[in-house]
Amino acid sequence: MNATEKAAAVRDDLADRDGVLIAFSGGVDSSVVAALAHDVLGDNAVACTAKSETLPEAELEDAVSVAAEIGISHEIVEFSELENPDFVVNDADRCYHCRTMRLGKMYDAAHDLGIETVCDGTNASDPGEGHRPGLRAVEELEIRSPLLEHNISKDEVREIADEYALSVADKPSMACLSSRIPTGLSVTKERLSRVEKAERILRTWGFSQFRVRDHDGLARIEIAREEFAAALNPDFVDAAREHLSKVGFDHVTLDLHGYETGSVSPANDAYSEQEAIDNVFSQEYPTH
């Protein structure tokens, strides 16, 4: 089956439901599920975004925008991962605790709306992408994953998004802000805030695939290799150094490995925190 046929199969599957609530980040995966569900269920399909300290404000704004673009009803619920000490300690199961809380709020919202089925945007490529403890939470809570169930890969998700002319069809993946903090370093509101503020300047300068990793005062900027030339622009270097100093970083570095998903993940044994620091520019640029 091609992507179009698989999308039709998802629509047929969802059409048998009285209603569905989609855990909605505004990324391409959950947006495709929302579009497919809205196609066949109309007002009985609801997108739901969980707002917390780990969700960048820009991502929340994008979620609101793309939900309106799809035409689907959109609910926003609030919670705080920082109230859970198992999350704050930031061990190898951080994503499991986060996803459990986030999806729990989805079930609460669904219950209030009289909806029995909760879906997410897990696709067929996700299980093969290394350490993904969040997927365990999806299984334990019996969340429906239409893209995974119908073997729709990430590339096929983007094809379907193109068919729907979704503005997020080519949007890079965006993990929550806590993923920028190395395992073992506690997640705090201060660290989440300075990472969000630091990444804002990269977005302002037009970078599309990037992360700012927070190594307890050292900002390690990861940028896609095809965008390295722009990252070496002296004007950007000066602006980044000044801005990141103001938001609370002591040093700013550019990682020569470029952008890598999960580069502070415990499963990435070849890329420890110390190696991350060793692999930045040989010349370190102090912020002050």
C-alpha atoms as a PDB file:
ATOM      1  CA  MET A   1       0.000   0.000   0.000  1.00  0.00           C
ATOM      2  CA  ASN A   2       1.200   3.516  -0.748  1.00  0.00           C
ATOM      3  CA  ALA A   3       0.798   6.502   1.583  1.00  0.00           C
ATOM      4  CA  THR A   4      -2.530   7.556   0.062  1.00  0.00           C
ATOM      5  CA  GLU A   5      -3.989   4.066   0.490  1.00  0.00           C
ATOM      6  CA  LYS A   6      -2.739   3.852   4.062  1.00  0.00           C
ATOM      7  CA  ALA A   7      -4.315   7.226   4.844  1.00  0.00           C
ATOM      8  CA  ALA A   8      -7.625   5.926   3.504  1.00  0.00           C
ATOM      9  CA  ALA A   9      -7.307   2.876   5.764  1.00  0.00           C
ATOM     10  CA  VAL A  10      -6.774   5.139   8.788  1.00  0.00           C
ATOM     11  CA  ARG A  11      -9.860   7.156   7.878  1.00  0.00           C
ATOM     12  CA  ASP A  12     -11.917   3.959   7.594  1.00  0.00           C
ATOM     13  CA  ASP A  13     -10.644   2.823  10.990  1.00  0.00           C
ATOM     14  CA  LEU A  14     -11.387   6.139  12.693  1.00  0.00           C
ATOM     15  CA  ALA A  15     -14.817   6.386  11.092  1.00  0.00           C
ATOM     16  CA  ASP A  16     -15.927   3.422  13.219  1.00  0.00           C
ATOM     17  CA  ARG A  17     -15.340   5.453  16.407  1.00  0.00           C
ATOM     18  CA  ASP A  18     -18.005   7.574  18.062  1.00  0.00           C
ATOM     19  CA  GLY A  19     -15.320  10.191  18.654  1.00  0.00           C
ATOM     20  CA  VAL A  20     -11.587  10.572  19.194  1.00  0.00           C
ATOM     21  CA  LEU A  21      -9.331  12.931  21.080  1.00  0.00           C
ATOM     22  CA  ILE A  22      -5.884  13.421  19.561  1.00  0.00           C
ATOM     23  CA  ALA A  23      -2.869  14.220  21.735  1.00  0.00           C
ATOM     24  CA  PHE A  24      -1.888  17.209  19.633  1.00  0.00           C
ATOM     25  CA  SER A  25       1.523  18.895  19.609  1.00  0.00           C
ATOM     26  CA  GLY A  26       1.054  20.693  16.300  1.00  0.00           C
ATOM     27  CA  GLY A  27       3.887  18.680  14.758  1.00  0.00           C
ATOM     28  CA  VAL A  28       3.426  16.873  11.477  1.00  0.00           C
ATOM     29  CA  ASP A  29       2.524  13.476  12.991  1.00  0.00           C
ATOM     30  CA  SER A  30      -0.292  14.586  15.308  1.00  0.00           C
ATOM     31  CA  SER A  31      -1.475  17.083  12.686  1.00  0.00           C
ATOM     32  CA  VAL A  32      -1.913  14.315  10.122  1.00  0.00           C
ATOM     33  CA  VAL A  33      -3.860  12.197  12.631  1.00  0.00           C
ATOM     34  CA  ALA A  34      -6.010  15.235  13.437  1.00  0.00           C
ATOM     35  CA  ALA A  35      -6.676  15.941   9.754  1.00  0.00           C
ATOM     36  CA  LEU A  36      -7.614  12.310   9.046  1.00  0.00           C
ATOM     37  CA  ALA A  37      -9.889  12.159  12.087  1.00  0.00           C
ATOM     38  CA  HIS A  38     -11.556  15.477  11.312  1.00  0.00           C
ATOM     39  CA  ASP A  39     -12.207  14.273   7.769  1.00  0.00           C
ATOM     40  CA  VAL A  40     -14.422  11.426   8.917  1.00  0.00           C
ATOM     41  CA  LEU A  41     -15.654  12.510  12.349  1.00  0.00           C
ATOM     42  CA  GLY A  42     -16.040  16.269  12.009  1.00  0.00           C
ATOM     43  CA  ASP A  43     -16.937  17.811  15.372  1.00  0.00           C
ATOM     44  CA  ASN A  44     -16.501  14.439  17.074  1.00  0.00           C
ATOM     45  CA  ALA A  45     -12.748  14.718  16.562  1.00  0.00           C
ATOM     46  CA  VAL A  46     -10.948  16.928  19.071  1.00  0.00           C
ATOM     47  CA  ALA A  47      -7.287  17.961  19.191  1.00  0.00           C
ATOM     48  CA  CYS A  48      -5.881  18.462  22.693  1.00  0.00           C
ATOM     49  CA  THR A  49      -2.594  20.141  23.593  1.00  0.00           C
ATOM     50  CA  ALA A  50      -1.062  19.850  27.058  1.00  0.00           C
ATOM     51  CA  LYS A  51       0.609  23.079  28.133  1.00  0.00           C
ATOM     52  CA  SER A  52       3.475  22.826  30.616  1.00  0.00           C
ATOM     53  CA  GLU A  53       6.908  24.278  31.390  1.00  0.00           C
ATOM     54  CA  THR A  54       8.547  21.937  28.866  1.00  0.00           C
ATOM     55  CA  LEU A  55       6.471  23.172  25.910  1.00  0.00           C
ATOM     56  CA  PRO A  56       7.996  26.213  24.169  1.00  0.00           C
ATOM     57  CA  GLU A  57       5.540  29.072  23.777  1.00  0.00           C
ATOM     58  CA  ALA A  58       6.258  29.130  20.038  1.00  0.00           C
ATOM     59  CA  GLU A  59       5.200  25.471  19.787  1.00  0.00           C
ATOM     60  CA  LEU A  60       1.928  26.194  21.580  1.00  0.00           C
ATOM     61  CA  GLU A  61       1.259  29.041  19.165  1.00  0.00           C
ATOM     62  CA  ASP A  62       1.991  26.708  16.234  1.00  0.00           C
ATOM     63  CA  ALA A  63      -0.415  24.111  17.638  1.00  0.00           C
ATOM     64  CA  VAL A  64      -3.198  26.675  17.895  1.00  0.00           C
ATOM     65  CA  SER A  65      -2.490  27.846  14.355  1.00  0.00           C
ATOM     66  CA  VAL A  66      -2.416  24.424  12.689  1.00  0.00           C
ATOM     67  CA  ALA A  67      -5.543  23.259  14.543  1.00  0.00           C
ATOM     68  CA  ALA A  68      -7.353  26.267  13.085  1.00  0.00           C
ATOM     69  CA  GLU A  69      -5.890  25.429   9.678  1.00  0.00           C
ATOM     70  CA  ILE A  70      -7.306  21.888   9.893  1.00  0.00           C
ATOM     71  CA  GLY A  71     -10.603  23.173  11.248  1.00  0.00           C
ATOM     72  CA  ILE A  72     -10.613  20.788  14.184  1.00  0.00           C
ATOM     73  CA  SER A  73     -11.877  21.654  17.656  1.00  0.00           C
ATOM     74  CA  HIS A  74      -8.874  22.400  19.890  1.00  0.00           C
ATOM     75  CA  GLU A  75      -8.635  22.043  23.674  1.00  0.00           C
ATOM     76  CA  ILE A  76      -5.684  23.180  25.815  1.00  0.00           C
ATOM     77  CA  VAL A  77      -5.092  21.579  29.208  1.00  0.00           C
ATOM     78  CA  GLU A  78      -2.392  22.538  31.706  1.00  0.00           C
ATOM     79  CA  PHE A  79      -0.178  20.537  34.033  1.00  0.00           C
ATOM     80  CA  SER A  80       3.345  20.648  35.479  1.00  0.00           C
ATOM     81  CA  GLU A  81       5.932  17.908  35.080  1.00  0.00           C
ATOM     82  CA  LEU A  82       8.006  19.716  37.697  1.00  0.00           C
ATOM     83  CA  GLU A  83       5.543  18.597  40.364  1.00  0.00           C
ATOM     84  CA  ASN A  84       6.700  15.015  39.810  1.00  0.00           C
ATOM     85  CA  PRO A  85      10.071  14.264  41.502  1.00  0.00           C
ATOM     86  CA  ASP A  86      10.548  11.215  39.252  1.00  0.00           C
ATOM     87  CA  PHE A  87      10.561  13.572  36.277  1.00  0.00           C
ATOM     88  CA  VAL A  88      12.713  16.256  37.882  1.00  0.00           C
ATOM     89  CA  VAL A  89      15.503  13.822  38.760  1.00  0.00           C
ATOM     90  CA  ASN A  90      15.985  13.361  34.987  1.00  0.00           C
ATOM     91  CA  ASP A  91      17.039   9.751  34.801  1.00  0.00           C
ATOM     92  CA  ALA A  92      16.739   7.370  31.853  1.00  0.00           C
ATOM     93  CA  ASP A  93      12.941   7.210  32.308  1.00  0.00           C
ATOM     94  CA  ARG A  94      12.272  10.955  32.208  1.00  0.00           C
ATOM     95  CA  CYS A  95      10.287  10.696  28.972  1.00  0.00           C
ATOM     96  CA  TYR A  96       8.254   7.837  30.404  1.00  0.00           C
ATOM     97  CA  HIS A  97       7.171   9.956  33.376  1.00  0.00           C
ATOM     98  CA  CYS A  98       6.486  12.967  31.150  1.00  0.00           C
ATOM     99  CA  ARG A  99       4.427  11.025  28.639  1.00  0.00           C
ATOM    100  CA  THR A 100       2.489   9.244  31.382  1.00  0.00           C
ATOM    101  CA  MET A 101       1.452  12.572  32.911  1.00  0.00           C
ATOM    102  CA  ARG A 102       0.750  14.220  29.558  1.00  0.00           C
ATOM    103  CA  LEU A 103      -1.375  11.362  28.249  1.00  0.00           C
ATOM    104  CA  GLY A 104      -3.137  11.112  31.595  1.00  0.00           C
ATOM    105  CA  LYS A 105      -4.320  14.690  31.037  1.00  0.00           C
ATOM    106  CA  MET A 106      -5.536  13.619  27.592  1.00  0.00           C
ATOM    107  CA  TYR A 107      -7.694  10.924  29.155  1.00  0.00           C
ATOM    108  CA  ASP A 108      -9.069  13.406  31.680  1.00  0.00           C
ATOM    109  CA  ALA A 109     -10.010  15.790  28.879  1.00  0.00           C
ATOM    110  CA  ALA A 110     -11.537  12.980  26.816  1.00  0.00           C
ATOM    111  CA  HIS A 111     -13.608  11.842  29.782  1.00  0.00           C
ATOM    112  CA  ASP A 112     -14.930  15.371  30.301  1.00  0.00           C
ATOM    113  CA  LEU A 113     -15.950  15.474  26.642  1.00  0.00           C
ATOM    114  CA  GLY A 114     -17.555  12.021  26.681  1.00  0.00           C
ATOM    115  CA  ILE A 115     -14.925  10.593  24.317  1.00  0.00           C
ATOM    116  CA  GLU A 116     -13.576   7.068  24.857  1.00  0.00           C
ATOM    117  CA  THR A 117     -10.725   6.892  22.327  1.00  0.00           C
ATOM    118  CA  VAL A 118      -7.435   8.792  22.720  1.00  0.00           C
ATOM    119  CA  CYS A 119      -4.980   8.771  19.804  1.00  0.00           C
ATOM    120  CA  ASP A 120      -1.443  10.016  19.379  1.00  0.00           C
ATOM    121  CA  GLY A 121       0.931  10.621  16.484  1.00  0.00           C
ATOM    122  CA  THR A 122       3.389   7.758  16.987  1.00  0.00           C
ATOM    123  CA  ASN A 123       4.400   6.593  13.509  1.00  0.00           C
ATOM    124  CA  ALA A 124       5.990   3.390  12.205  1.00  0.00           C
ATOM    125  CA  SER A 125       9.492   4.923  12.204  1.00  0.00           C
ATOM    126  CA  ASP A 126       9.437   5.863  15.896  1.00  0.00           C
ATOM    127  CA  PRO A 127      10.071   2.452  17.542  1.00  0.00           C
ATOM    128  CA  GLY A 128      13.370   2.110  15.670  1.00  0.00           C
ATOM    129  CA  GLU A 129      14.822   5.448  16.757  1.00  0.00           C
ATOM    130  CA  GLY A 130      16.758   4.322  19.836  1.00  0.00           C
ATOM    131  CA  HIS A 131      15.898   4.984  23.466  1.00  0.00           C
ATOM    132  CA  ARG A 132      12.177   5.864  23.492  1.00  0.00           C
ATOM    133  CA  PRO A 133      10.790   5.257  26.998  1.00  0.00           C
ATOM    134  CA  GLY A 134       7.792   7.444  26.153  1.00  0.00           C
ATOM    135  CA  LEU A 135       6.500   4.679  23.887  1.00  0.00           C
ATOM    136  CA  ARG A 136       6.164   2.443  26.951  1.00  0.00           C
ATOM    137  CA  ALA A 137       3.706   4.927  28.414  1.00  0.00           C
ATOM    138  CA  VAL A 138       1.707   4.880  25.166  1.00  0.00           C
ATOM    139  CA  GLU A 139       1.444   1.087  25.366  1.00  0.00           C
ATOM    140  CA  GLU A 140       0.617   0.979  29.076  1.00  0.00           C
ATOM    141  CA  LEU A 141      -2.147   3.561  28.748  1.00  0.00           C
ATOM    142  CA  GLU A 142      -3.534   1.825  25.655  1.00  0.00           C
ATOM    143  CA  ILE A 143      -3.344   4.927  23.497  1.00  0.00           C
ATOM    144  CA  ARG A 144      -4.336   4.307  19.884  1.00  0.00           C
ATOM    145  CA  SER A 145      -1.584   5.120  17.377  1.00  0.00           C
ATOM    146  CA  PRO A 146      -3.244   5.050  13.918  1.00  0.00           C
ATOM    147  CA  LEU A 147      -0.036   5.847  12.019  1.00  0.00           C
ATOM    148  CA  LEU A 148       1.840   3.014  13.717  1.00  0.00           C
ATOM    149  CA  GLU A 149      -1.083   0.592  13.436  1.00  0.00           C
ATOM    150  CA  HIS A 150      -1.232   1.157   9.677  1.00  0.00           C
ATOM    151  CA  ASN A 151       2.560   1.048   9.222  1.00  0.00           C
ATOM    152  CA  ILE A 152       2.871   4.672   8.098  1.00  0.00           C
ATOM    153  CA  SER A 153       6.499   5.809   8.198  1.00  0.00           C
ATOM    154  CA  LYS A 154       7.727   9.339   8.836  1.00  0.00           C
ATOM    155  CA  ASP A 155       8.305   9.949   5.133  1.00  0.00           C
ATOM    156  CA  GLU A 156       4.778   8.751   4.375  1.00  0.00           C
ATOM    157  CA  VAL A 157       3.398  11.013   7.113  1.00  0.00           C
ATOM    158  CA  ARG A 158       4.945  13.966   5.291  1.00  0.00           C
ATOM    159  CA  GLU A 159       3.453  12.740   1.999  1.00  0.00           C
ATOM    160  CA  ILE A 160      -0.005  12.677   3.552  1.00  0.00           C
ATOM    161  CA  ALA A 161       0.578  16.110   5.084  1.00  0.00           C
ATOM    162  CA  ASP A 162       1.425  17.377   1.596  1.00  0.00           C
ATOM    163  CA  GLU A 163      -1.814  15.905   0.263  1.00  0.00           C
ATOM    164  CA  TYR A 164      -3.684  17.891   2.908  1.00  0.00           C
ATOM    165  CA  ALA A 165      -1.543  20.957   2.131  1.00  0.00           C
ATOM    166  CA  LEU A 166      -0.646  21.239   5.810  1.00  0.00           C
ATOM    167  CA  SER A 167       1.765  24.048   6.622  1.00  0.00           C
ATOM    168  CA  VAL A 168       3.688  21.695   8.945  1.00  0.00           C
ATOM    169  CA  ALA A 169       4.394  19.098   6.235  1.00  0.00           C
ATOM    170  CA  ASP A 170       8.124  19.863   6.328  1.00  0.00           C
ATOM    171  CA  LYS A 171       8.344  20.983   9.950  1.00  0.00           C
ATOM    172  CA  PRO A 172      11.354  19.436  11.750  1.00  0.00           C
ATOM    173  CA  SER A 173      10.681  17.252  14.768  1.00  0.00           C
ATOM    174  CA  MET A 174      10.670  19.168  18.043  1.00  0.00           C
ATOM    175  CA  ALA A 175      11.175  17.348  21.336  1.00  0.00           C
ATOM    176  CA  CYS A 176      10.198  18.980  24.627  1.00  0.00           C
ATOM    177  CA  LEU A 177      12.603  21.394  26.317  1.00  0.00           C
ATOM    178  CA  SER A 178      13.663  18.880  28.964  1.00  0.00           C
ATOM    179  CA  SER A 179      15.406  16.869  26.234  1.00  0.00           C
ATOM    180  CA  ARG A 180      18.046  19.637  26.135  1.00  0.00           C
ATOM    181  CA  ILE A 181      19.178  18.843  29.679  1.00  0.00           C
ATOM    182  CA  PRO A 182      21.660  15.941  30.033  1.00  0.00           C
ATOM    183  CA  THR A 183      20.509  12.870  31.915  1.00  0.00           C
ATOM    184  CA  GLY A 184      21.373  13.151  35.599  1.00  0.00           C
ATOM    185  CA  LEU A 185      21.168  16.948  35.702  1.00  0.00           C
ATOM    186  CA  SER A 186      17.889  17.893  37.361  1.00  0.00           C
ATOM    187  CA  VAL A 187      15.183  19.566  35.315  1.00  0.00           C
ATOM    188  CA  THR A 188      14.380  23.006  36.732  1.00  0.00           C
ATOM    189  CA  LYS A 189      12.215  25.895  35.630  1.00  0.00           C
ATOM    190  CA  GLU A 190      15.343  28.065  35.342  1.00  0.00           C
ATOM    191  CA  ARG A 191      17.083  25.656  32.950  1.00  0.00           C
ATOM    192  CA  LEU A 192      13.959  25.152  30.840  1.00  0.00           C
ATOM    193  CA  SER A 193      13.445  28.905  30.610  1.00  0.00           C
ATOM    194  CA  ARG A 194      16.960  29.752  29.514  1.00  0.00           C
ATOM    195  CA  VAL A 195      16.949  26.989  26.902  1.00  0.00           C
ATOM    196  CA  GLU A 196      13.676  28.299  25.466  1.00  0.00           C
ATOM    197  CA  LYS A 197      15.028  31.861  25.386  1.00  0.00           C
ATOM    198  CA  ALA A 198      18.298  30.694  23.853  1.00  0.00           C
ATOM    199  CA  GLU A 199      16.551  28.778  21.068  1.00  0.00           C
ATOM    200  CA  ARG A 200      14.384  31.772  20.303  1.00  0.00           C
ATOM    201  CA  ILE A 201      17.362  33.645  18.836  1.00  0.00           C
ATOM    202  CA  LEU A 202      18.226  30.722  16.539  1.00  0.00           C
ATOM    203  CA  ARG A 203      14.645  30.680  15.312  1.00  0.00           C
ATOM    204  CA  THR A 204      14.792  34.443  14.792  1.00  0.00           C
ATOM    205  CA  TRP A 205      17.945  34.066  12.682  1.00  0.00           C
ATOM    206  CA  GLY A 206      16.157  31.570  10.431  1.00  0.00           C
ATOM    207  CA  PHE A 207      17.704  28.264  11.518  1.00  0.00           C
ATOM    208  CA  SER A 208      15.353  25.324  11.006  1.00  0.00           C
ATOM    209  CA  GLN A 209      16.978  22.288  12.666  1.00  0.00           C
ATOM    210  CA  PHE A 210      18.722  23.064  15.941  1.00  0.00           C
ATOM    211  CA  ARG A 211      18.957  22.510  19.678  1.00  0.00           C
ATOM    212  CA  VAL A 212      20.591  24.378  22.546  1.00  0.00           C
ATOM    213  CA  ARG A 213      21.802  21.820  25.091  1.00  0.00           C
ATOM    214  CA  ASP A 214      22.226  23.079  28.645  1.00  0.00           C
ATOM    215  CA  HIS A 215      25.317  21.605  30.304  1.00  0.00           C
ATOM    216  CA  ASP A 216      24.823  23.412  33.628  1.00  0.00           C
ATOM    217  CA  GLY A 217      25.839  26.846  32.421  1.00  0.00           C
ATOM    218  CA  LEU A 218      27.516  25.839  29.165  1.00  0.00           C
ATOM    219  CA  ALA A 219      25.270  26.231  26.118  1.00  0.00           C
ATOM    220  CA  ARG A 220      26.076  23.682  23.411  1.00  0.00           C
ATOM    221  CA  ILE A 221      24.457  24.782  20.168  1.00  0.00           C
ATOM    222  CA  GLU A 222      23.662  22.015  17.691  1.00  0.00           C
ATOM    223  CA  ILE A 223      22.767  23.095  14.154  1.00  0.00           C
ATOM    224  CA  ALA A 224      22.140  20.964  11.063  1.00  0.00           C
ATOM    225  CA  ARG A 225      25.379  20.639   9.091  1.00  0.00           C
ATOM    226  CA  GLU A 226      23.831  22.233   6.004  1.00  0.00           C
ATOM    227  CA  GLU A 227      23.279  25.369   8.107  1.00  0.00           C
ATOM    228  CA  PHE A 228      26.837  25.574   9.463  1.00  0.00           C
ATOM    229  CA  ALA A 229      27.820  28.450   7.169  1.00  0.00           C
ATOM    230  CA  ALA A 230      25.116  30.656   8.651  1.00  0.00           C
ATOM    231  CA  ALA A 231      26.174  29.623  12.162  1.00  0.00           C
ATOM    232  CA  LEU A 232      29.699  30.861  11.438  1.00  0.00           C
ATOM    233  CA  ASN A 233      28.472  34.297  10.410  1.00  0.00           C
ATOM    234  CA  PRO A 234      30.328  36.703  12.751  1.00  0.00           C
ATOM    235  CA  ASP A 235      27.181  38.763  13.252  1.00  0.00           C
ATOM    236  CA  PHE A 236      25.292  35.685  14.427  1.00  0.00           C
ATOM    237  CA  VAL A 237      28.195  34.605  16.657  1.00  0.00           C
ATOM    238  CA  ASP A 238      28.210  38.009  18.359  1.00  0.00           C
ATOM    239  CA  ALA A 239      24.422  38.101  18.696  1.00  0.00           C
ATOM    240  CA  ALA A 240      24.222  34.557  20.072  1.00  0.00           C
ATOM    241  CA  ARG A 241      26.980  35.144  22.581  1.00  0.00           C
ATOM    242  CA  GLU A 242      25.400  38.354  23.836  1.00  0.00           C
ATOM    243  CA  HIS A 243      21.864  36.938  23.979  1.00  0.00           C
ATOM    244  CA  LEU A 244      22.799  33.676  25.701  1.00  0.00           C
ATOM    245  CA  SER A 245      24.843  35.572  28.258  1.00  0.00           C
ATOM    246  CA  LYS A 246      21.798  37.662  29.130  1.00  0.00           C
ATOM    247  CA  VAL A 247      19.584  34.600  29.630  1.00  0.00           C
ATOM    248  CA  GLY A 248      22.025  33.001  32.074  1.00  0.00           C
ATOM    249  CA  PHE A 249      24.677  30.954  30.255  1.00  0.00           C
ATOM    250  CA  ASP A 250      28.347  31.299  31.245  1.00  0.00           C
ATOM    251  CA  HIS A 251      29.815  29.914  28.005  1.00  0.00           C
ATOM    252  CA  VAL A 252      28.517  29.313  24.474  1.00  0.00           C
ATOM    253  CA  THR A 253      29.848  26.634  22.116  1.00  0.00           C
ATOM    254  CA  LEU A 254      28.996  25.290  18.666  1.00  0.00           C
ATOM    255  CA  ASP A 255      29.060  21.500  18.383  1.00  0.00           C
ATOM    256  CA  LEU A 256      31.023  20.373  15.322  1.00  0.00           C
ATOM    257  CA  HIS A 257      29.023  17.139  15.152  1.00  0.00           C
ATOM    258  CA  GLY A 258      26.017  19.217  14.158  1.00  0.00           C
ATOM    259  CA  TYR A 259      22.430  18.508  15.130  1.00  0.00           C
ATOM    260  CA  GLU A 260      21.810  14.978  16.418  1.00  0.00           C
ATOM    261  CA  THR A 261      18.609  13.653  17.960  1.00  0.00           C
ATOM    262  CA  GLY A 262      19.091  12.146  21.399  1.00  0.00           C
ATOM    263  CA  SER A 263      22.642  13.422  21.806  1.00  0.00           C
ATOM    264  CA  VAL A 264      22.180  13.653  25.563  1.00  0.00           C
ATOM    265  CA  SER A 265      20.192  10.412  25.765  1.00  0.00           C
ATOM    266  CA  PRO A 266      21.453   7.651  28.070  1.00  0.00           C
ATOM    267  CA  ALA A 267      21.175   5.217  25.163  1.00  0.00           C
ATOM    268  CA  ASN A 268      23.744   7.164  23.182  1.00  0.00           C
ATOM    269  CA  ASP A 269      26.786   5.619  24.865  1.00  0.00           C
ATOM    270  CA  ALA A 270      29.155   7.076  22.304  1.00  0.00           C
ATOM    271  CA  TYR A 271      28.173  10.597  23.200  1.00  0.00           C
ATOM    272  CA  SER A 272      28.526  11.316  26.901  1.00  0.00           C
ATOM    273  CA  GLU A 273      28.218  14.771  28.396  1.00  0.00           C
ATOM    274  CA  GLN A 274      31.985  15.178  28.637  1.00  0.00           C
ATOM    275  CA  GLU A 275      32.454  14.102  25.019  1.00  0.00           C
ATOM    276  CA  ALA A 276      29.799  16.596  24.026  1.00  0.00           C
ATOM    277  CA  ILE A 277      31.837  19.351  25.626  1.00  0.00           C
ATOM    278  CA  ASP A 278      35.077  18.024  24.097  1.00  0.00           C
ATOM    279  CA  ASN A 279      33.549  18.054  20.601  1.00  0.00           C
ATOM    280  CA  VAL A 280      32.749  21.763  20.440  1.00  0.00           C
ATOM    281  CA  PHE A 281      35.013  24.389  18.913  1.00  0.00           C
ATOM    282  CA  SER A 282      38.570  24.060  20.201  1.00  0.00           C
ATOM    283  CA  GLN A 283      38.314  27.778  20.960  1.00  0.00           C
ATOM    284  CA  GLU A 284      35.760  28.378  23.679  1.00  0.00           C
ATOM    285  CA  TYR A 285      33.842  31.632  23.544  1.00  0.00           C
ATOM    286  CA  PRO A 286      33.114  32.961  27.043  1.00  0.00           C
ATOM    287  CA  THR A 287      29.975  35.059  27.270  1.00  0.00           C
ATOM    288  CA  HIS A 288      31.615  37.513  29.617  1.00  0.00           C
END
